[in-house]
Protein backbone atom coordinates (compact mmCIF):
# COMPACT_ATOMS: atom_id res chain seq x y z
CA UNK A 1 191.84 151.67 168.76
CA UNK A 2 188.87 149.48 169.44
CA UNK A 3 187.30 150.31 166.02
CA UNK A 4 190.36 149.01 164.17
CA UNK A 5 190.21 145.74 166.09
CA UNK A 6 186.53 145.21 165.22
CA UNK A 7 187.15 145.92 161.51
CA UNK A 8 189.95 143.37 161.48
CA UNK A 9 187.73 140.72 163.08
CA UNK A 10 184.98 141.28 160.50
CA UNK A 11 187.48 140.90 157.66
CA UNK A 12 188.74 137.62 159.07
CA UNK A 13 185.20 136.30 159.60
CA UNK A 14 184.12 137.25 156.09
CA UNK A 15 187.18 135.53 154.63
CA UNK A 16 185.72 132.28 156.04
CA UNK A 17 182.05 132.95 155.28
CA UNK A 18 182.24 134.21 151.67
CA UNK A 19 183.80 130.99 150.22
CA UNK A 20 181.18 128.91 152.03
CA UNK A 21 178.34 131.04 150.65
CA UNK A 22 179.79 130.87 147.12
CA UNK A 23 180.24 127.10 147.40
CA UNK A 24 176.62 126.62 148.49
CA UNK A 25 175.47 128.86 145.63
CA UNK A 26 177.48 126.81 143.09
CA UNK A 27 176.08 123.53 144.45
CA UNK A 28 172.55 124.91 144.08
CA UNK A 29 173.26 126.03 140.48
CA UNK A 30 174.74 122.64 139.51
CA UNK A 31 171.78 120.84 141.11
CA UNK A 32 169.26 122.94 139.19
CA UNK A 33 171.16 122.37 135.92
CA UNK A 34 171.35 118.62 136.62
CA UNK A 35 167.60 118.26 137.16
CA UNK A 36 166.84 120.50 134.18
CA UNK A 37 168.91 118.28 131.90
CA UNK A 38 167.43 115.14 133.44
CA UNK A 39 163.90 116.40 132.73
CA UNK A 40 164.87 117.23 129.12
CA UNK A 41 166.20 113.68 128.68
CA UNK A 42 163.10 112.13 130.27
CA UNK A 43 160.76 114.16 128.06
CA UNK A 44 162.65 113.44 124.84
CA UNK A 45 162.94 109.72 125.64
CA UNK A 46 159.25 109.43 126.53
CA UNK A 47 158.17 111.28 123.39
CA UNK A 48 160.42 109.08 121.25
CA UNK A 49 159.09 105.88 122.87
CA UNK A 50 155.46 106.87 122.27
CA UNK A 51 156.19 107.93 118.69
CA UNK A 52 158.05 104.65 118.09
CA UNK A 53 155.10 102.65 119.43
CA UNK A 54 152.72 104.53 117.13
CA UNK A 55 154.98 104.24 114.08
CA UNK A 56 155.53 100.53 114.70
CA UNK A 57 151.96 100.05 113.57
CA UNK A 58 152.48 102.18 110.45
CA UNK A 59 156.13 102.48 109.31
CA UNK A 60 157.20 104.89 106.58
CA UNK A 61 157.97 103.95 102.97
CA UNK A 62 161.32 102.33 103.73
CA UNK A 63 159.88 100.28 106.58
CA UNK A 64 162.20 101.90 109.12
CA UNK A 65 161.92 104.98 111.29
CA UNK A 66 164.92 106.89 112.63
CA UNK A 67 163.91 107.10 116.28
CA UNK A 68 167.47 107.71 117.46
CA UNK A 69 167.74 110.74 115.19
CA UNK A 70 164.35 111.99 116.38
CA UNK A 71 165.43 111.77 120.02
CA UNK A 72 168.76 113.48 119.30
CA UNK A 73 166.89 116.26 117.51
CA UNK A 74 164.66 116.74 120.58
CA UNK A 75 167.70 116.96 122.86
CA UNK A 76 169.90 119.13 120.62
CA UNK A 77 170.73 122.51 122.14
CA UNK A 78 168.59 122.05 125.24
CA UNK A 79 171.06 120.55 127.69
CA UNK A 80 172.81 123.06 129.96
CA UNK A 81 175.21 121.02 132.08
CA UNK A 82 175.74 117.96 129.89
CA UNK A 83 177.24 118.48 126.45
CA UNK A 84 175.95 115.56 124.41
CA UNK A 85 173.81 112.55 125.18
CA UNK A 86 173.98 109.02 123.85
CA UNK A 87 170.66 107.53 122.76
CA UNK A 88 169.77 103.86 122.28
CA UNK A 89 166.41 102.70 120.93
CA UNK A 90 165.26 99.10 121.12
CA UNK A 91 162.08 98.05 119.33
CA UNK A 92 160.43 94.68 119.92
CA UNK A 93 157.00 93.36 118.96
CA UNK A 94 155.46 94.46 122.24
CA UNK A 95 157.64 97.29 123.57
CA UNK A 96 159.68 100.30 122.48
CA UNK A 97 162.50 101.15 124.90
CA UNK A 98 164.50 104.38 124.69
CA UNK A 99 167.61 104.80 126.85
CA UNK A 100 169.52 108.08 127.03
CA UNK A 101 172.65 108.87 129.02
CA UNK A 102 174.90 111.90 129.41
CA UNK A 103 178.13 112.60 131.31
CA UNK A 104 179.86 115.73 132.58
CA UNK A 105 183.11 115.11 134.41
CA UNK A 106 182.14 112.83 137.30
CA UNK A 107 178.42 113.57 137.06
CA UNK A 108 176.24 111.28 134.96
CA UNK A 109 172.56 110.93 134.27
CA UNK A 110 170.70 108.14 132.51
CA UNK A 111 167.01 107.68 131.78
CA UNK A 112 164.96 104.87 130.31
CA UNK A 113 161.44 105.20 128.96
CA UNK A 114 159.19 102.47 127.57
CA UNK A 115 155.97 102.45 125.61
CA UNK A 116 153.90 99.39 124.68
CA UNK A 117 153.15 98.71 121.03
CA UNK A 118 149.39 98.53 120.99
CA UNK A 119 147.50 96.97 118.12
CA UNK A 120 143.85 97.58 118.92
CA UNK A 121 142.66 96.48 115.50
CA UNK A 122 143.58 92.91 116.40
CA UNK A 123 141.48 93.01 119.56
CA UNK A 124 138.32 94.54 118.17
CA UNK A 125 135.68 91.92 117.66
CA UNK A 126 133.42 92.12 114.69
CA UNK A 127 129.94 91.13 115.73
CA UNK A 128 126.95 90.21 113.66
CA UNK A 129 124.81 93.17 112.79
CA UNK A 130 121.18 92.21 113.07
CA UNK A 131 118.93 93.03 110.16
CA UNK A 132 121.74 94.12 107.83
CA UNK A 133 123.70 90.96 107.31
CA UNK A 134 126.87 89.35 108.57
CA UNK A 135 130.40 90.60 108.43
CA UNK A 136 132.94 88.15 107.00
CA UNK A 137 136.39 87.71 108.48
CA UNK A 138 137.69 89.95 105.66
CA UNK A 139 135.46 92.78 106.82
CA UNK A 140 133.05 92.55 103.87
CA UNK A 141 129.34 92.60 104.54
CA UNK A 142 127.17 90.02 102.88
CA UNK A 143 123.62 91.16 102.30
CA UNK A 144 120.68 88.86 102.74
CA UNK A 145 118.46 89.64 99.79
């Protein structure tokens, strides 16, 4: 008789414990998926910002680069929890800013990455080369003959 009472108590206790264990497991899975997708968005936005800063110095034939399409291509098929992300790219003379955001039910993630547009050729000073001649502002060398 005592064995039947113990088996009944275990069944009742497990009916409380199993849903708690499953809930904790699901929270862990959703958390891992959230941070995975956030890292994918951060990486794609950072890569797009750096590429945009580099291409700002040398645009393609049409004068424009499709940075939004590049970022979407980097994100496509890699997000687990979030279905699709919205991407916004803003290019100024000094900065390229990429913002990406994604939503899944009540969960949302947004990232923003920036990269400065560097133009080192404007900062390099051309100095006089001794013994060879001088360098004009156009970059041509004039020889002293």
